[in-house]
N, C-alpha and C. Protein backbone atom coordinates (compact mmCIF):
# COMPACT_ATOMS: atom_id res chain seq x y z
N MET A 1 17.02 17.44 -1.86
CA MET A 1 16.10 18.22 -2.07
C MET A 1 15.08 17.80 -2.75
N GLU A 2 15.29 16.69 -3.63
CA GLU A 2 13.87 15.84 -4.08
C GLU A 2 13.12 15.18 -2.91
N ALA A 3 14.14 14.71 -2.09
CA ALA A 3 13.19 13.71 -1.30
C ALA A 3 12.58 14.62 -0.17
N THR A 4 13.17 16.13 -0.01
CA THR A 4 12.05 16.76 0.82
C THR A 4 11.06 17.52 0.06
N ILE A 5 11.05 17.13 -1.21
CA ILE A 5 9.81 17.77 -1.94
C ILE A 5 8.74 16.79 -1.98
N LEU A 6 9.51 15.54 -2.11
CA LEU A 6 8.39 14.89 -2.16
C LEU A 6 7.65 14.12 -0.95
N ARG A 7 8.21 14.32 0.15
CA ARG A 7 7.43 14.15 1.34
C ARG A 7 6.57 15.20 1.72
N ALA A 8 6.82 16.67 1.24
CA ALA A 8 5.96 17.67 1.54
C ALA A 8 4.83 17.23 0.28
N ALA A 9 5.05 17.13 -0.61
CA ALA A 9 4.20 16.84 -1.98
C ALA A 9 2.76 15.53 -1.21
N GLU A 10 3.58 14.53 -0.96
CA GLU A 10 2.95 13.56 -0.66
C GLU A 10 1.72 13.73 0.49
N GLY A 11 2.29 14.86 1.45
CA GLY A 11 1.04 15.04 2.62
C GLY A 11 0.26 15.92 1.78
N ILE A 12 0.61 16.58 0.98
CA ILE A 12 -0.44 18.08 0.75
C ILE A 12 -1.25 17.05 -0.63
N PHE A 13 -0.81 16.62 -1.17
CA PHE A 13 -1.67 15.77 -2.08
C PHE A 13 -2.95 14.63 -1.44
N ALA A 14 -2.22 13.92 -0.32
CA ALA A 14 -3.20 12.97 0.44
C ALA A 14 -4.20 14.11 1.00
N GLU A 15 -3.61 15.19 1.55
CA GLU A 15 -5.11 15.90 2.09
C GLU A 15 -6.12 16.75 1.06
N ALA A 16 -5.30 16.99 -0.05
CA ALA A 16 -6.34 18.00 -0.94
C ALA A 16 -6.42 17.46 -2.34
N GLY A 17 -5.64 16.49 -2.32
CA GLY A 17 -5.86 15.68 -3.51
C GLY A 17 -5.41 16.49 -4.83
N PHE A 18 -5.28 16.01 -5.85
CA PHE A 18 -4.32 16.57 -7.18
C PHE A 18 -4.83 17.96 -7.49
N GLY A 19 -6.21 18.12 -7.64
CA GLY A 19 -7.06 19.43 -8.15
C GLY A 19 -6.77 20.51 -7.00
N GLY A 20 -6.94 20.09 -5.52
CA GLY A 20 -7.14 21.09 -4.47
C GLY A 20 -5.47 21.44 -4.14
N ALA A 21 -4.31 20.83 -4.33
CA ALA A 21 -3.06 21.04 -4.09
C ALA A 21 -2.44 22.20 -5.07
N THR A 22 -1.56 22.79 -4.58
CA THR A 22 -1.06 23.71 -5.22
C THR A 22 0.35 23.75 -4.94
N MET A 23 1.67 24.30 -6.23
CA MET A 23 2.71 24.29 -5.99
C MET A 23 3.15 25.37 -4.96
N GLN A 24 2.35 26.31 -4.62
CA GLN A 24 3.26 27.36 -3.35
C GLN A 24 2.49 26.55 -2.07
N GLN A 25 1.45 25.66 -2.04
CA GLN A 25 1.50 24.91 -0.71
C GLN A 25 2.47 23.97 -0.92
N ILE A 26 2.86 23.32 -1.37
CA ILE A 26 3.86 22.15 -1.71
C ILE A 26 5.30 22.88 -0.97
N ALA A 27 5.47 24.30 -1.77
CA ALA A 27 6.88 24.91 -1.33
C ALA A 27 6.90 25.38 0.18
N ASP A 28 5.55 25.88 0.65
CA ASP A 28 5.51 26.20 1.96
C ASP A 28 5.84 25.16 2.79
N SER A 29 5.21 23.91 2.45
CA SER A 29 5.56 22.68 3.70
C SER A 29 6.97 22.04 3.16
N ALA A 30 7.24 22.21 1.94
CA ALA A 30 8.66 21.86 2.24
C ALA A 30 9.82 22.66 2.75
N GLY A 31 9.43 24.07 2.86
CA GLY A 31 10.13 25.13 3.40
C GLY A 31 11.19 25.75 2.23
N LEU A 32 10.46 25.92 1.08
CA LEU A 32 11.28 26.13 -0.35
C LEU A 32 10.97 27.12 -0.96
N PRO A 33 11.47 28.27 -1.69
CA PRO A 33 10.97 28.86 -2.30
C PRO A 33 10.37 28.14 -3.50
N LYS A 34 9.22 28.60 -4.15
CA LYS A 34 8.39 27.86 -5.05
C LYS A 34 9.41 27.58 -6.38
N ALA A 35 10.18 28.70 -6.60
CA ALA A 35 10.90 28.26 -7.82
C ALA A 35 12.04 26.84 -7.84
N ASN A 36 11.83 26.76 -6.58
CA ASN A 36 13.03 25.62 -6.39
C ASN A 36 12.04 24.13 -6.58
N LEU A 37 10.89 24.34 -6.05
CA LEU A 37 10.16 23.19 -6.87
C LEU A 37 10.02 23.08 -8.33
N HIS A 38 9.95 24.10 -8.96
CA HIS A 38 9.80 24.25 -10.32
C HIS A 38 11.26 23.50 -11.32
N TYR A 39 11.98 24.06 -10.57
CA TYR A 39 13.51 23.31 -11.14
C TYR A 39 13.28 22.03 -11.08
N TYR A 40 13.42 21.28 -10.00
CA TYR A 40 13.12 20.35 -9.97
C TYR A 40 11.73 19.49 -10.74
N PHE A 41 10.67 20.12 -10.52
CA PHE A 41 9.60 19.47 -11.11
C PHE A 41 9.07 20.63 -11.75
N PRO A 42 8.80 20.84 -13.26
CA PRO A 42 8.33 22.03 -13.82
C PRO A 42 6.96 22.01 -13.54
N THR A 43 5.94 21.08 -13.33
CA THR A 43 4.52 21.30 -13.40
C THR A 43 4.07 20.22 -12.12
N LYS A 44 2.67 20.81 -11.90
CA LYS A 44 2.00 20.20 -11.02
C LYS A 44 2.02 18.61 -11.03
N GLU A 45 1.61 18.28 -12.24
CA GLU A 45 1.34 16.93 -12.93
C GLU A 45 2.57 16.17 -12.66
N ALA A 46 3.90 16.83 -13.11
CA ALA A 46 5.03 16.27 -13.12
C ALA A 46 5.50 15.46 -11.68
N LEU A 47 5.26 16.53 -10.78
CA LEU A 47 5.29 16.12 -9.33
C LEU A 47 4.38 14.92 -8.72
N TYR A 48 3.28 15.19 -8.99
CA TYR A 48 2.46 14.32 -8.73
C TYR A 48 2.43 12.83 -9.37
N ARG A 49 2.74 12.83 -10.23
CA ARG A 49 3.23 11.48 -11.15
C ARG A 49 4.20 10.96 -10.14
N GLN A 50 5.22 11.60 -9.66
CA GLN A 50 6.26 10.97 -9.33
C GLN A 50 6.30 10.86 -7.66
N VAL A 51 5.29 11.31 -7.19
CA VAL A 51 4.80 10.81 -5.85
C VAL A 51 4.04 9.59 -5.89
N VAL A 52 3.16 9.63 -6.93
CA VAL A 52 2.49 8.55 -7.41
C VAL A 52 3.64 6.97 -7.68
N GLN A 53 4.53 7.36 -8.49
CA GLN A 53 5.57 6.38 -9.29
C GLN A 53 6.24 5.86 -7.88
N GLN A 54 6.55 6.58 -7.08
CA GLN A 54 7.02 6.33 -5.81
C GLN A 54 6.47 5.14 -4.84
N ILE A 55 5.26 5.53 -4.26
CA ILE A 55 4.49 4.39 -3.62
C ILE A 55 4.32 3.18 -4.38
N PHE A 56 4.14 3.56 -5.52
CA PHE A 56 3.63 2.45 -6.94
C PHE A 56 5.02 1.42 -6.54
N ASP A 57 6.21 1.85 -6.72
CA ASP A 57 7.59 0.97 -6.50
C ASP A 57 7.56 0.62 -5.32
N ILE A 58 7.51 1.18 -4.72
CA ILE A 58 7.74 0.62 -3.16
C ILE A 58 6.64 -0.80 -2.72
N TRP A 59 5.01 -0.71 -3.33
CA TRP A 59 3.96 -1.74 -3.46
C TRP A 59 4.50 -2.87 -4.69
N LEU A 60 5.01 -2.48 -5.65
CA LEU A 60 5.78 -3.34 -6.59
C LEU A 60 6.52 -4.46 -6.01
N HIS A 61 8.08 -3.70 -5.26
CA HIS A 61 8.58 -4.45 -4.61
C HIS A 61 8.72 -5.18 -3.48
N ALA A 62 7.28 -4.86 -3.07
CA ALA A 62 6.87 -5.75 -1.66
C ALA A 62 6.49 -7.38 -2.18
N ALA A 63 6.44 -7.60 -3.63
CA ALA A 63 5.73 -8.99 -3.86
C ALA A 63 6.97 -9.34 -4.50
N ASP A 64 7.93 -8.80 -4.13
CA ASP A 64 9.23 -10.01 -4.54
C ASP A 64 9.43 -11.27 -3.35
N SER A 65 9.09 -11.49 -2.59
CA SER A 65 8.89 -12.59 -1.58
C SER A 65 8.28 -13.75 -2.91
N PHE A 66 7.45 -13.68 -3.76
CA PHE A 66 6.57 -14.39 -4.62
C PHE A 66 7.96 -15.06 -5.25
N ASP A 67 9.18 -14.47 -5.69
CA ASP A 67 9.67 -14.99 -6.64
C ASP A 67 11.14 -15.63 -5.49
N ASP A 68 11.13 -15.41 -4.25
CA ASP A 68 12.28 -15.70 -3.44
C ASP A 68 11.81 -17.01 -2.42
N ALA A 69 10.48 -16.54 -2.04
CA ALA A 69 10.39 -17.76 -0.73
C ALA A 69 10.59 -19.18 -1.40
N PRO A 70 10.41 -19.82 -0.66
CA PRO A 70 10.15 -21.42 -0.89
C PRO A 70 8.68 -21.93 -1.16
N GLY A 71 7.96 -21.04 -0.80
CA GLY A 71 6.43 -21.79 -1.31
C GLY A 71 5.40 -20.69 -0.70
N PRO A 72 3.99 -20.71 -1.09
CA PRO A 72 2.97 -19.58 -1.12
C PRO A 72 2.82 -19.56 0.52
N ALA A 73 3.15 -19.97 1.41
CA ALA A 73 2.70 -19.60 2.80
C ALA A 73 4.20 -18.77 2.87
N GLU A 74 5.16 -18.92 2.49
CA GLU A 74 6.30 -17.70 3.21
C GLU A 74 5.90 -16.67 2.02
N ALA A 75 5.78 -16.73 0.96
CA ALA A 75 5.82 -15.84 0.09
C ALA A 75 4.54 -14.81 0.48
N ILE A 76 3.56 -15.41 0.61
CA ILE A 76 2.19 -14.21 0.98
C ILE A 76 2.20 -13.94 2.18
N GLY A 77 2.56 -14.94 3.17
CA GLY A 77 3.03 -14.11 4.40
C GLY A 77 3.92 -13.12 4.47
N ALA A 78 4.97 -12.99 3.65
CA ALA A 78 5.66 -12.02 3.91
C ALA A 78 5.29 -10.83 2.86
N TYR A 79 4.39 -11.07 1.84
CA TYR A 79 3.80 -10.06 1.13
C TYR A 79 2.80 -9.08 2.11
N ILE A 80 1.89 -10.06 3.06
CA ILE A 80 1.12 -9.36 3.96
C ILE A 80 2.26 -8.38 4.84
N ASP A 81 3.18 -8.79 5.57
CA ASP A 81 3.99 -8.25 6.19
C ASP A 81 4.80 -7.13 5.48
N ALA A 82 4.97 -6.87 4.45
CA ALA A 82 5.51 -6.03 3.63
C ALA A 82 4.54 -4.93 3.63
N LYS A 83 3.38 -5.25 2.83
CA LYS A 83 2.61 -4.51 2.99
C LYS A 83 2.20 -3.70 3.81
N MET A 84 1.71 -4.57 4.96
CA MET A 84 1.58 -3.62 6.62
C MET A 84 2.49 -2.46 6.63
N GLU A 85 3.51 -3.15 6.55
CA GLU A 85 4.74 -2.24 6.89
C GLU A 85 4.48 -0.87 6.09
N ILE A 86 4.39 -0.89 4.87
CA ILE A 86 3.93 0.07 4.14
C ILE A 86 3.12 0.99 4.39
N SER A 87 2.23 0.49 4.75
CA SER A 87 0.95 1.17 5.27
C SER A 87 1.14 2.27 6.94
N ARG A 88 2.14 1.38 7.15
CA ARG A 88 2.67 1.99 8.61
C ARG A 88 3.67 3.12 8.24
N ARG A 89 4.81 2.71 7.39
CA ARG A 89 5.29 3.85 7.37
C ARG A 89 5.04 4.95 5.70
N HIS A 90 4.35 4.86 5.15
CA HIS A 90 4.10 5.41 4.21
C HIS A 90 2.49 5.66 3.98
N PRO A 91 1.70 6.15 4.85
CA PRO A 91 0.29 6.18 5.18
C PRO A 91 -0.13 7.26 3.94
N GLN A 92 0.69 8.34 3.77
CA GLN A 92 0.43 9.24 3.13
C GLN A 92 0.21 9.04 1.23
N GLY A 93 1.45 8.20 0.97
CA GLY A 93 1.21 7.50 -0.52
C GLY A 93 0.27 7.03 -0.43
N SER A 94 -0.34 5.87 0.51
CA SER A 94 -1.14 5.28 0.10
C SER A 94 -2.52 5.76 -0.30
N LYS A 95 -2.84 7.24 0.52
CA LYS A 95 -4.01 7.64 0.13
C LYS A 95 -3.78 8.62 -0.68
N VAL A 96 -2.91 9.26 -1.16
CA VAL A 96 -2.69 9.73 -2.58
C VAL A 96 -3.08 8.83 -3.70
N TRP A 97 -2.88 7.41 -3.72
CA TRP A 97 -3.28 6.38 -4.89
C TRP A 97 -4.85 6.24 -4.56
N ALA A 98 -4.87 5.88 -3.47
CA ALA A 98 -6.73 5.20 -3.29
C ALA A 98 -7.39 6.45 -3.87
N THR A 99 -7.23 7.95 -3.01
CA THR A 99 -7.84 9.17 -3.68
C THR A 99 -7.87 9.02 -5.44
N GLU A 100 -6.82 9.27 -5.78
CA GLU A 100 -6.58 9.45 -7.31
C GLU A 100 -7.34 8.13 -7.95
N VAL A 101 -7.24 6.64 -7.44
CA VAL A 101 -8.11 5.71 -8.48
C VAL A 101 -9.69 5.80 -7.81
N MET A 102 -10.01 6.35 -7.09
CA MET A 102 -11.40 6.62 -6.47
C MET A 102 -12.27 7.46 -7.51
N HIS A 103 -11.13 8.40 -7.89
CA HIS A 103 -11.81 9.51 -8.68
C HIS A 103 -11.46 9.12 -10.35
N GLY A 104 -11.47 7.82 -10.32
CA GLY A 104 -11.60 6.97 -11.70
C GLY A 104 -9.71 7.47 -12.71
N ALA A 105 -8.77 7.29 -11.93
CA ALA A 105 -7.36 7.50 -12.27
C ALA A 105 -7.32 8.81 -13.08
N PRO A 106 -7.56 9.87 -13.06
CA PRO A 106 -7.40 10.79 -14.29
C PRO A 106 -5.87 11.38 -14.60
N VAL A 107 -5.26 10.84 -13.74
CA VAL A 107 -4.16 11.57 -14.23
C VAL A 107 -2.83 10.28 -14.22
N ILE A 108 -3.26 8.91 -13.71
CA ILE A 108 -2.37 7.59 -13.76
C ILE A 108 -3.07 6.73 -14.47
N GLN A 109 -3.90 7.04 -15.23
CA GLN A 109 -4.70 5.85 -15.85
C GLN A 109 -3.80 4.97 -16.61
N ASP A 110 -2.83 5.55 -17.41
CA ASP A 110 -1.86 4.58 -17.98
C ASP A 110 -0.95 3.59 -17.00
N TYR A 111 -0.78 4.03 -15.93
CA TYR A 111 -0.09 3.20 -14.97
C TYR A 111 -0.86 1.88 -14.42
N LEU A 112 -1.93 2.25 -14.49
CA LEU A 112 -3.23 1.17 -14.14
C LEU A 112 -3.06 0.18 -15.56
N GLU A 113 -3.15 0.68 -16.88
CA GLU A 113 -3.62 -0.08 -18.07
C GLU A 113 -1.97 -0.70 -18.58
N THR A 114 -0.47 -0.27 -17.83
CA THR A 114 0.51 -0.64 -18.40
C THR A 114 1.13 -1.53 -17.12
N THR A 115 1.71 -1.35 -16.25
CA THR A 115 2.54 -1.43 -15.33
C THR A 115 1.45 -2.35 -14.32
N LEU A 116 0.49 -1.72 -14.03
CA LEU A 116 -0.17 -2.64 -13.06
C LEU A 116 -0.61 -3.99 -13.38
N ARG A 117 -1.55 -3.54 -14.57
CA ARG A 117 -2.01 -4.82 -15.44
C ARG A 117 -0.76 -5.81 -15.55
N GLU A 118 0.14 -5.21 -16.07
CA GLU A 118 0.89 -6.25 -16.21
C GLU A 118 1.87 -7.09 -15.00
N TRP A 119 1.80 -6.24 -14.09
CA TRP A 119 2.55 -7.02 -12.62
C TRP A 119 1.52 -7.74 -12.04
N THR A 120 0.58 -7.40 -12.34
CA THR A 120 -0.75 -8.16 -11.36
C THR A 120 -0.94 -9.40 -12.13
N ALA A 121 -1.19 -9.69 -13.54
CA ALA A 121 -0.99 -10.57 -14.28
C ALA A 121 -0.06 -11.50 -14.12
N ASP A 122 1.15 -11.09 -13.57
CA ASP A 122 2.47 -12.16 -13.45
C ASP A 122 2.33 -12.66 -12.18
N ARG A 123 2.03 -11.78 -11.08
CA ARG A 123 1.97 -12.24 -9.98
C ARG A 123 0.44 -13.21 -9.61
N ALA A 124 -0.46 -13.13 -10.30
CA ALA A 124 -1.42 -14.17 -10.71
C ALA A 124 -1.10 -15.28 -11.07
N SER A 125 -0.02 -15.04 -12.15
CA SER A 125 0.50 -16.57 -12.81
C SER A 125 1.13 -17.47 -11.69
N VAL A 126 1.87 -16.69 -10.56
CA VAL A 126 2.60 -17.32 -9.81
C VAL A 126 1.63 -18.44 -9.00
N ILE A 127 0.66 -17.44 -8.48
CA ILE A 127 -0.79 -17.87 -7.65
C ILE A 127 -1.13 -19.53 -8.13
N GLN A 128 -1.72 -18.92 -9.48
CA GLN A 128 -2.01 -20.23 -10.09
C GLN A 128 -1.06 -21.43 -10.12
N THR A 129 0.17 -21.12 -10.62
CA THR A 129 1.04 -22.27 -10.63
C THR A 129 1.09 -23.13 -9.07
N TRP A 130 1.07 -22.14 -7.80
CA TRP A 130 0.52 -23.02 -6.71
C TRP A 130 -0.21 -23.90 -6.55
N ILE A 131 -1.51 -23.24 -7.14
CA ILE A 131 -2.83 -24.02 -7.22
C ILE A 131 -2.61 -25.30 -8.27
N ASP A 132 -2.05 -25.15 -9.27
CA ASP A 132 -2.19 -26.02 -9.96
C ASP A 132 -1.38 -27.50 -9.22
N GLU A 133 -0.18 -26.98 -8.69
CA GLU A 133 0.55 -27.80 -8.17
C GLU A 133 0.25 -28.71 -6.70
N GLY A 134 -0.90 -27.94 -6.41
CA GLY A 134 -1.58 -28.60 -5.24
C GLY A 134 -0.84 -27.95 -3.76
N ARG A 135 -0.26 -26.90 -3.83
CA ARG A 135 0.23 -26.06 -2.63
C ARG A 135 -0.74 -25.45 -2.28
N MET A 136 -1.62 -24.98 -2.25
CA MET A 136 -2.67 -24.12 -1.79
C MET A 136 -3.86 -24.50 -2.32
N ALA A 137 -5.19 -23.96 -1.81
CA ALA A 137 -6.58 -23.77 -1.94
C ALA A 137 -6.84 -23.56 -3.10
N PRO A 138 -7.67 -23.80 -4.10
CA PRO A 138 -7.87 -23.70 -5.17
C PRO A 138 -8.84 -22.19 -5.63
N VAL A 139 -8.48 -21.13 -5.25
CA VAL A 139 -8.85 -19.74 -5.26
C VAL A 139 -8.63 -18.88 -6.37
N ASP A 140 -9.62 -17.82 -6.72
CA ASP A 140 -9.44 -17.07 -8.02
C ASP A 140 -8.08 -15.88 -7.56
N PRO A 141 -6.73 -15.99 -8.29
CA PRO A 141 -5.94 -15.37 -7.96
C PRO A 141 -5.81 -13.97 -7.72
N TYR A 142 -6.62 -13.39 -8.67
CA TYR A 142 -6.92 -11.71 -8.75
C TYR A 142 -7.93 -11.32 -7.55
N GLN A 143 -9.00 -12.23 -7.10
CA GLN A 143 -9.67 -11.81 -5.95
C GLN A 143 -8.61 -11.91 -4.64
N LEU A 144 -7.84 -12.81 -4.56
CA LEU A 144 -7.07 -13.09 -3.59
C LEU A 144 -6.07 -11.70 -3.85
N LEU A 145 -5.23 -11.23 -4.70
CA LEU A 145 -4.72 -10.08 -4.82
C LEU A 145 -5.59 -8.77 -4.46
N TYR A 146 -6.62 -8.84 -4.46
CA TYR A 146 -7.29 -7.82 -4.59
C TYR A 146 -7.92 -7.66 -2.74
N MET A 147 -8.02 -8.74 -2.51
CA MET A 147 -8.28 -8.56 -0.74
C MET A 147 -7.03 -8.61 0.02
N LEU A 148 -5.80 -8.90 -0.18
CA LEU A 148 -4.64 -8.71 0.24
C LEU A 148 -4.08 -7.21 0.16
N TRP A 149 -4.83 -6.68 -0.95
CA TRP A 149 -5.00 -4.95 -0.95
C TRP A 149 -5.25 -4.06 -0.46
N ALA A 150 -6.72 -4.37 -0.01
CA ALA A 150 -7.78 -3.94 0.42
C ALA A 150 -7.51 -4.03 2.00
N THR A 151 -7.32 -5.39 2.64
CA THR A 151 -7.04 -5.34 3.78
C THR A 151 -5.50 -4.91 4.49
N THR A 152 -4.90 -4.80 3.70
CA THR A 152 -3.43 -4.13 4.19
C THR A 152 -3.27 -2.68 3.84
N GLN A 153 -3.62 -2.27 3.17
CA GLN A 153 -3.84 -0.60 2.65
C GLN A 153 -5.09 -0.17 3.72
N HIS A 154 -6.02 -0.73 3.66
CA HIS A 154 -6.82 -0.20 4.91
C HIS A 154 -5.87 0.59 5.91
N TYR A 155 -4.88 -0.25 6.58
CA TYR A 155 -4.45 0.32 7.66
C TYR A 155 -3.45 1.74 7.58
N ALA A 156 -3.52 1.83 5.96
CA ALA A 156 -3.33 3.56 5.65
C ALA A 156 -4.32 4.54 5.44
N ASP A 157 -5.27 3.72 4.74
CA ASP A 157 -6.22 4.78 3.99
C ASP A 157 -7.18 5.32 5.38
N PHE A 158 -7.44 4.05 6.01
CA PHE A 158 -8.55 4.62 7.21
C PHE A 158 -7.76 4.55 8.55
N GLY A 159 -6.46 4.87 8.39
CA GLY A 159 -5.82 5.10 9.82
C GLY A 159 -6.70 5.72 10.68
N HIS A 160 -7.14 6.71 10.30
CA HIS A 160 -7.85 7.52 11.57
C HIS A 160 -8.45 6.91 12.17
N GLN A 161 -9.53 6.01 11.43
CA GLN A 161 -10.67 5.02 12.14
C GLN A 161 -10.01 4.27 12.79
N ILE A 162 -9.04 3.54 12.51
CA ILE A 162 -8.42 2.32 13.50
C ILE A 162 -7.64 3.13 14.77
N GLU A 163 -7.29 4.14 14.47
CA GLU A 163 -6.84 5.29 15.51
C GLU A 163 -7.94 5.32 16.81
N THR A 164 -9.01 6.20 16.23
CA THR A 164 -9.91 6.28 16.97
C THR A 164 -10.45 4.99 18.25
N LEU A 165 -10.73 3.78 17.45
CA LEU A 165 -11.28 2.75 17.76
C LEU A 165 -10.20 1.99 18.81
N ASN A 166 -8.92 2.53 18.56
CA ASN A 166 -8.06 2.18 19.60
C ASN A 166 -7.72 3.11 20.67
N GLY A 167 -9.16 3.72 20.99
CA GLY A 167 -9.01 4.37 22.17
C GLY A 167 -8.43 5.63 22.20
N GLY A 168 -8.29 6.31 20.58
CA GLY A 168 -7.71 7.51 20.36
C GLY A 168 -6.13 7.49 20.14
N ARG A 169 -5.54 6.12 19.90
CA ARG A 169 -4.01 6.14 20.26
C ARG A 169 -3.66 5.51 19.14
N PRO A 170 -2.54 6.14 18.41
CA PRO A 170 -1.75 5.13 17.61
C PRO A 170 -1.43 4.01 17.64
N LEU A 171 -1.42 2.95 16.77
CA LEU A 171 -1.16 1.96 16.78
C LEU A 171 0.21 1.57 17.64
N SER A 172 0.71 0.98 18.67
CA SER A 172 1.86 0.31 19.20
C SER A 172 2.38 -0.48 18.26
N GLU A 173 3.95 -0.67 19.07
CA GLU A 173 4.63 -1.97 18.34
C GLU A 173 4.17 -3.03 18.13
N ASP A 174 3.63 -3.39 19.34
CA ASP A 174 2.85 -4.63 19.56
C ASP A 174 1.53 -4.86 18.90
N ASP A 175 0.54 -3.41 19.09
CA ASP A 175 -0.41 -3.84 18.10
C ASP A 175 -0.16 -3.91 16.58
N TRP A 176 1.20 -3.42 15.89
CA TRP A 176 0.94 -3.56 14.64
C TRP A 176 1.38 -5.19 14.76
N ASP A 177 2.43 -5.84 15.23
CA ASP A 177 2.70 -7.12 15.10
C ASP A 177 1.55 -7.80 15.34
N ARG A 178 0.70 -7.71 16.32
CA ARG A 178 -0.58 -8.59 16.60
C ARG A 178 -1.28 -8.62 15.51
N ALA A 179 -1.66 -6.79 14.76
CA ALA A 179 -2.65 -6.95 13.51
C ALA A 179 -1.85 -7.74 12.26
N LYS A 180 -0.72 -7.56 12.00
CA LYS A 180 -0.28 -8.36 10.96
C LYS A 180 -0.05 -9.88 11.13
N ALA A 181 -0.21 -10.14 12.52
CA ALA A 181 -0.13 -12.02 12.59
C ALA A 181 -1.70 -12.54 12.15
N THR A 182 -2.56 -11.47 12.93
CA THR A 182 -3.82 -11.49 12.48
C THR A 182 -4.07 -11.69 11.50
N VAL A 183 -3.83 -10.55 10.24
CA VAL A 183 -4.16 -10.82 8.88
C VAL A 183 -3.36 -11.85 8.34
N ARG A 184 -2.18 -12.35 8.35
CA ARG A 184 -1.54 -13.66 7.92
C ARG A 184 -2.39 -15.24 8.33
N GLN A 185 -2.93 -14.68 9.35
CA GLN A 185 -3.30 -15.78 10.00
C GLN A 185 -4.83 -16.22 9.12
N ILE A 186 -5.84 -15.11 9.28
CA ILE A 186 -7.11 -14.74 8.32
C ILE A 186 -7.01 -15.40 6.78
N ILE A 187 -5.88 -14.70 6.17
CA ILE A 187 -5.67 -15.05 4.95
C ILE A 187 -5.32 -16.27 4.44
N LEU A 188 -4.07 -17.05 5.00
CA LEU A 188 -3.45 -17.99 5.14
C LEU A 188 -4.35 -18.93 5.30
N ARG A 189 -5.16 -19.24 6.47
CA ARG A 189 -6.05 -20.07 6.62
C ARG A 189 -7.06 -20.43 5.59
N GLY A 190 -7.56 -19.12 5.29
CA GLY A 190 -8.65 -19.41 3.92
C GLY A 190 -8.14 -19.80 2.78
N ILE A 191 -6.86 -20.04 2.79
CA ILE A 191 -6.41 -20.45 1.40
C ILE A 191 -5.85 -21.70 1.56
N GLY A 192 -6.10 -22.21 2.63
CA GLY A 192 -5.04 -23.48 3.18
C GLY A 192 -4.01 -23.63 3.73
N LEU A 193 -3.32 -22.57 4.29
CA LEU A 193 -2.09 -22.55 4.48
C LEU A 193 -1.53 -21.80 6.00
N GLY A 194 -2.99 -21.79 6.67
CA GLY A 194 -2.77 -21.33 8.18
C GLY A 194 -1.91 -21.84 8.86
N PRO A 195 -1.27 -20.41 9.84
CA PRO A 195 -0.32 -21.04 11.13
C PRO A 195 -1.47 -21.05 12.12
N ALA A 196 -0.66 -21.43 13.31
CA ALA A 196 -1.39 -21.85 14.64
C ALA A 196 -2.55 -20.28 15.23
N PRO A 197 -3.28 -21.28 15.73
CA PRO A 197 -4.44 -19.67 16.10
C PRO A 197 -3.58 -18.98 17.40
N LEU A 198 -3.83 -17.80 17.38
CA LEU A 198 -3.50 -16.66 17.72
C LEU A 198 -4.08 -16.89 19.30
N PRO A 199 -3.54 -16.05 20.23
CA PRO A 199 -3.79 -16.23 21.82
C PRO A 199 -5.21 -14.92 21.76
N ALA A 200 -6.24 -15.31 22.26
CA ALA A 200 -7.28 -14.26 22.56
C ALA A 200 -6.99 -13.12 22.87
N GLN A 201 -7.69 -12.07 23.04
CA GLN A 201 -7.59 -10.83 23.31
C GLN A 201 -8.62 -10.15 23.33
N GLY A 202 -8.51 -8.96 24.36
CA GLY A 202 -10.10 -8.40 24.32
C GLY A 202 -9.79 -7.02 23.70
N GLN A 203 -11.03 -5.99 23.22
CA GLN A 203 -11.16 -5.30 22.44
C GLN A 203 -9.97 -3.81 22.98
N PRO A 204 -9.67 -3.49 21.94
CA PRO A 204 -8.85 -2.31 22.08
C PRO A 204 -9.42 -1.12 22.73
N GLY A 205 -8.70 -0.30 23.44
CA GLY A 205 -8.99 1.06 24.28
C GLY A 205 -8.95 0.75 25.29
């Protein structure tokens, strides 16, 4: 039941934002009486925060490769793949997060100031260690993380634009594979870890 509610809420919050969404809209989307929503989530804010926490947790776990991979190329490459796949499978959650932050994070500022700040500092420290060991180019770890987020989340937050430029069609499996490979190539080469060039391809559409 909670999973059904969260899926419905994710879509409504992505479309209407926190202020524009109502519990009745979410209940209708979930196909449930509004009383059922209030049983699991007594307030709209509690439901919204759970939606945000869900996508946040998925993003945080995407960087587990930083701890498990043998080196920066494998770790950052796996992180790119994971974040791109999240944009593919959870586009609405990404849009909820983006809209919230663009409005100054009125509901989730505490996440930014605690969990996100601590997590980012930890990942930046790992990147700085790789730099200090001479295993990748000397770049600002924070700027690298911001670039990774902006690039990978673009495929969710601006999915309609990408689909329009792709001849009005959603990206296919091959399109997603090529997109991930291209993002990996550009970013890894930029930090001195690049793979072999990709074959040339014409314009989409």
